[in-house]
Amino acid sequence: MGKAVAIYKGVDSGGVCPCVTPPTKLEPPIGDVFANKIAVMANTDVLTSANGTTCTTTPAPCVSPRVVKSVSKVYINKLPVATIGDSLNEPTKITIPTGATSVFAWSMLKFICCLR
């Protein structure tokens, strides 16, 4: 079976040094990438930044930008769709931990299939 497609529901994994962030809500950008009438995340989507603290001896406020970096070979509207495990911020290791329960991406077949 394919990987669950990332949707705008739930929270991210949270980040680690250099900017420790708590799991942060997956806020949707204004977009037009949908599968089975569900807004899905696609490569280059910009989410709201996550606020956190630095891991220095004197912790200070910091901000981790979150931009979807999809490695999928499945496309919607000419953009690779995001799936579970894709990155939102590589330096702080923020990832997408959950996905849709009814929308899956099959890379080998290069299409999105929606369960009903």
C-alpha atoms as a PDB file:
ATOM      1  CA  MET A   1       0.000   0.000   0.000  1.00  0.00           C
ATOM      2  CA  GLY A   2       1.124   3.583  -0.567  1.00  0.00           C
ATOM      3  CA  LYS A   3       2.020   6.180   2.042  1.00  0.00           C
ATOM      4  CA  ALA A   4      -0.668   8.330   3.609  1.00  0.00           C
ATOM      5  CA  VAL A   5      -0.771  11.803   2.083  1.00  0.00           C
ATOM      6  CA  ALA A   6      -0.080  14.710   4.482  1.00  0.00           C
ATOM      7  CA  ILE A   7      -3.097  16.880   5.235  1.00  0.00           C
ATOM      8  CA  TYR A   8      -3.675  20.052   7.229  1.00  0.00           C
ATOM      9  CA  LYS A   9      -4.784  18.367  10.432  1.00  0.00           C
ATOM     10  CA  GLY A  10      -2.956  17.741  13.671  1.00  0.00           C
ATOM     11  CA  VAL A  11       0.536  18.909  14.593  1.00  0.00           C
ATOM     12  CA  ASP A  12       4.088  18.500  13.328  1.00  0.00           C
ATOM     13  CA  SER A  13       6.789  16.471  15.107  1.00  0.00           C
ATOM     14  CA  GLY A  14       8.318  19.438  16.939  1.00  0.00           C
ATOM     15  CA  GLY A  15      11.891  20.589  16.430  1.00  0.00           C
ATOM     16  CA  VAL A  16      15.307  20.004  17.991  1.00  0.00           C
ATOM     17  CA  CYS A  17      18.483  22.121  18.305  1.00  0.00           C
ATOM     18  CA  PRO A  18      19.329  24.713  17.101  1.00  0.00           C
ATOM     19  CA  CYS A  19      15.692  25.834  17.740  1.00  0.00           C
ATOM     20  CA  VAL A  20      13.641  23.546  19.968  1.00  0.00           C
ATOM     21  CA  THR A  21       9.954  23.857  19.098  1.00  0.00           C
ATOM     22  CA  PRO A  22       6.931  22.049  20.508  1.00  0.00           C
ATOM     23  CA  PRO A  23       4.638  20.159  18.145  1.00  0.00           C
ATOM     24  CA  THR A  24       2.897  22.961  16.267  1.00  0.00           C
ATOM     25  CA  LYS A  25      -0.478  22.968  14.505  1.00  0.00           C
ATOM     26  CA  LEU A  26      -0.318  22.333  10.760  1.00  0.00           C
ATOM     27  CA  GLU A  27      -1.842  25.592   9.567  1.00  0.00           C
ATOM     28  CA  PRO A  28      -2.921  25.486   5.930  1.00  0.00           C
ATOM     29  CA  PRO A  29      -1.737  28.042   3.438  1.00  0.00           C
ATOM     30  CA  ILE A  30      -4.176  29.362   0.883  1.00  0.00           C
ATOM     31  CA  GLY A  31      -3.905  26.791  -1.855  1.00  0.00           C
ATOM     32  CA  ASP A  32      -5.719  24.643  -4.349  1.00  0.00           C
ATOM     33  CA  VAL A  33      -4.230  21.177  -3.910  1.00  0.00           C
ATOM     34  CA  PHE A  34      -7.025  18.756  -3.046  1.00  0.00           C
ATOM     35  CA  ALA A  35      -7.545  14.991  -3.174  1.00  0.00           C
ATOM     36  CA  ASN A  36     -10.915  13.470  -2.393  1.00  0.00           C
ATOM     37  CA  LYS A  37     -12.067  17.014  -1.399  1.00  0.00           C
ATOM     38  CA  ILE A  38      -9.348  17.135   1.294  1.00  0.00           C
ATOM     39  CA  ALA A  39      -6.688  19.878   1.267  1.00  0.00           C
ATOM     40  CA  VAL A  40      -3.326  18.120   1.032  1.00  0.00           C
ATOM     41  CA  MET A  41       0.203  19.403   1.564  1.00  0.00           C
ATOM     42  CA  ALA A  42       2.378  19.844  -1.498  1.00  0.00           C
ATOM     43  CA  ASN A  43       6.033  20.652  -2.078  1.00  0.00           C
ATOM     44  CA  THR A  44       6.953  24.287  -1.302  1.00  0.00           C
ATOM     45  CA  ASP A  45       3.805  24.974   0.778  1.00  0.00           C
ATOM     46  CA  VAL A  46       4.728  27.545   3.431  1.00  0.00           C
ATOM     47  CA  LEU A  47       3.179  26.967   6.854  1.00  0.00           C
ATOM     48  CA  THR A  48       3.180  29.357   9.799  1.00  0.00           C
ATOM     49  CA  SER A  49       6.551  29.380  11.550  1.00  0.00           C
ATOM     50  CA  ALA A  50       7.014  27.508  14.830  1.00  0.00           C
ATOM     51  CA  ASN A  51       8.149  29.439  17.913  1.00  0.00           C
ATOM     52  CA  GLY A  52      10.732  27.864  20.160  1.00  0.00           C
ATOM     53  CA  THR A  53      13.883  28.401  22.219  1.00  0.00           C
ATOM     54  CA  THR A  54      17.546  28.062  21.347  1.00  0.00           C
ATOM     55  CA  CYS A  55      19.676  25.307  22.888  1.00  0.00           C
ATOM     56  CA  THR A  56      22.419  27.603  24.101  1.00  0.00           C
ATOM     57  CA  THR A  57      23.613  28.036  27.680  1.00  0.00           C
ATOM     58  CA  THR A  58      21.372  31.115  27.780  1.00  0.00           C
ATOM     59  CA  PRO A  59      18.169  30.024  25.958  1.00  0.00           C
ATOM     60  CA  ALA A  60      16.562  32.712  23.827  1.00  0.00           C
ATOM     61  CA  PRO A  61      13.409  32.847  21.701  1.00  0.00           C
ATOM     62  CA  CYS A  62      13.794  31.572  18.133  1.00  0.00           C
ATOM     63  CA  VAL A  63      11.599  30.850  15.143  1.00  0.00           C
ATOM     64  CA  SER A  64      11.711  27.835  12.811  1.00  0.00           C
ATOM     65  CA  PRO A  65      10.261  28.462   9.356  1.00  0.00           C
ATOM     66  CA  ARG A  66       8.229  25.521   8.045  1.00  0.00           C
ATOM     67  CA  VAL A  67       8.230  24.790   4.313  1.00  0.00           C
ATOM     68  CA  VAL A  68       7.120  21.442   2.872  1.00  0.00           C
ATOM     69  CA  LYS A  69       9.927  19.516   1.196  1.00  0.00           C
ATOM     70  CA  SER A  70       8.267  16.561  -0.496  1.00  0.00           C
ATOM     71  CA  VAL A  71      10.221  13.678  -1.976  1.00  0.00           C
ATOM     72  CA  SER A  72       7.155  12.043  -3.530  1.00  0.00           C
ATOM     73  CA  LYS A  73       6.965  11.142  -7.196  1.00  0.00           C
ATOM     74  CA  VAL A  74       3.175  11.612  -7.059  1.00  0.00           C
ATOM     75  CA  TYR A  75       1.957  14.983  -8.360  1.00  0.00           C
ATOM     76  CA  ILE A  76      -1.211  17.064  -8.053  1.00  0.00           C
ATOM     77  CA  ASN A  77      -1.349  20.384  -9.918  1.00  0.00           C
ATOM     78  CA  LYS A  78       2.271  19.783 -11.021  1.00  0.00           C
ATOM     79  CA  LEU A  79       3.491  19.681  -7.409  1.00  0.00           C
ATOM     80  CA  PRO A  80       4.772  16.618  -5.531  1.00  0.00           C
ATOM     81  CA  VAL A  81       2.351  15.786  -2.713  1.00  0.00           C
ATOM     82  CA  ALA A  82       3.716  15.476   0.806  1.00  0.00           C
ATOM     83  CA  THR A  83       3.508  12.199   2.702  1.00  0.00           C
ATOM     84  CA  ILE A  84       4.192  11.096   6.276  1.00  0.00           C
ATOM     85  CA  GLY A  85       7.831  11.712   7.200  1.00  0.00           C
ATOM     86  CA  ASP A  86       8.486  14.542   4.740  1.00  0.00           C
ATOM     87  CA  SER A  87      10.448  17.506   6.088  1.00  0.00           C
ATOM     88  CA  LEU A  88       9.141  20.904   7.143  1.00  0.00           C
ATOM     89  CA  ASN A  89      12.518  22.163   8.444  1.00  0.00           C
ATOM     90  CA  GLU A  90      15.660  20.094   7.898  1.00  0.00           C
ATOM     91  CA  PRO A  91      18.028  21.850  10.368  1.00  0.00           C
ATOM     92  CA  THR A  92      15.597  21.340  13.277  1.00  0.00           C
ATOM     93  CA  LYS A  93      14.286  18.007  11.976  1.00  0.00           C
ATOM     94  CA  ILE A  94      10.615  19.073  11.979  1.00  0.00           C
ATOM     95  CA  THR A  95       8.626  16.480  10.017  1.00  0.00           C
ATOM     96  CA  ILE A  96       5.053  15.589   9.124  1.00  0.00           C
ATOM     97  CA  PRO A  97       4.076  12.759  11.520  1.00  0.00           C
ATOM     98  CA  THR A  98       0.522  11.988  10.379  1.00  0.00           C
ATOM     99  CA  GLY A  99      -1.519  11.812   7.207  1.00  0.00           C
ATOM    100  CA  ALA A 100      -4.946  11.209   5.763  1.00  0.00           C
ATOM    101  CA  THR A 101      -6.734   7.988   6.583  1.00  0.00           C
ATOM    102  CA  SER A 102      -8.411   7.923   3.174  1.00  0.00           C
ATOM    103  CA  VAL A 103      -5.866   9.391   0.727  1.00  0.00           C
ATOM    104  CA  PHE A 104      -2.730   7.451  -0.226  1.00  0.00           C
ATOM    105  CA  ALA A 105       0.077   8.005  -2.726  1.00  0.00           C
ATOM    106  CA  TRP A 106       1.407   5.081  -4.753  1.00  0.00           C
ATOM    107  CA  SER A 107       4.743   6.218  -6.193  1.00  0.00           C
ATOM    108  CA  MET A 108       5.170   3.352  -8.618  1.00  0.00           C
ATOM    109  CA  LEU A 109       1.811   4.038 -10.229  1.00  0.00           C
ATOM    110  CA  LYS A 110       2.180   7.826 -10.035  1.00  0.00           C
ATOM    111  CA  PHE A 111      -1.374   8.638  -9.065  1.00  0.00           C
ATOM    112  CA  ILE A 112      -3.485   9.419  -6.024  1.00  0.00           C
ATOM    113  CA  CYS A 113      -6.128   6.963  -5.032  1.00  0.00           C
ATOM    114  CA  CYS A 114      -8.938   7.866  -2.727  1.00  0.00           C
ATOM    115  CA  LEU A 115     -10.756   5.303  -0.613  1.00  0.00           C
ATOM    116  CA  ARG A 116     -14.459   5.774  -0.234  1.00  0.00           C
END
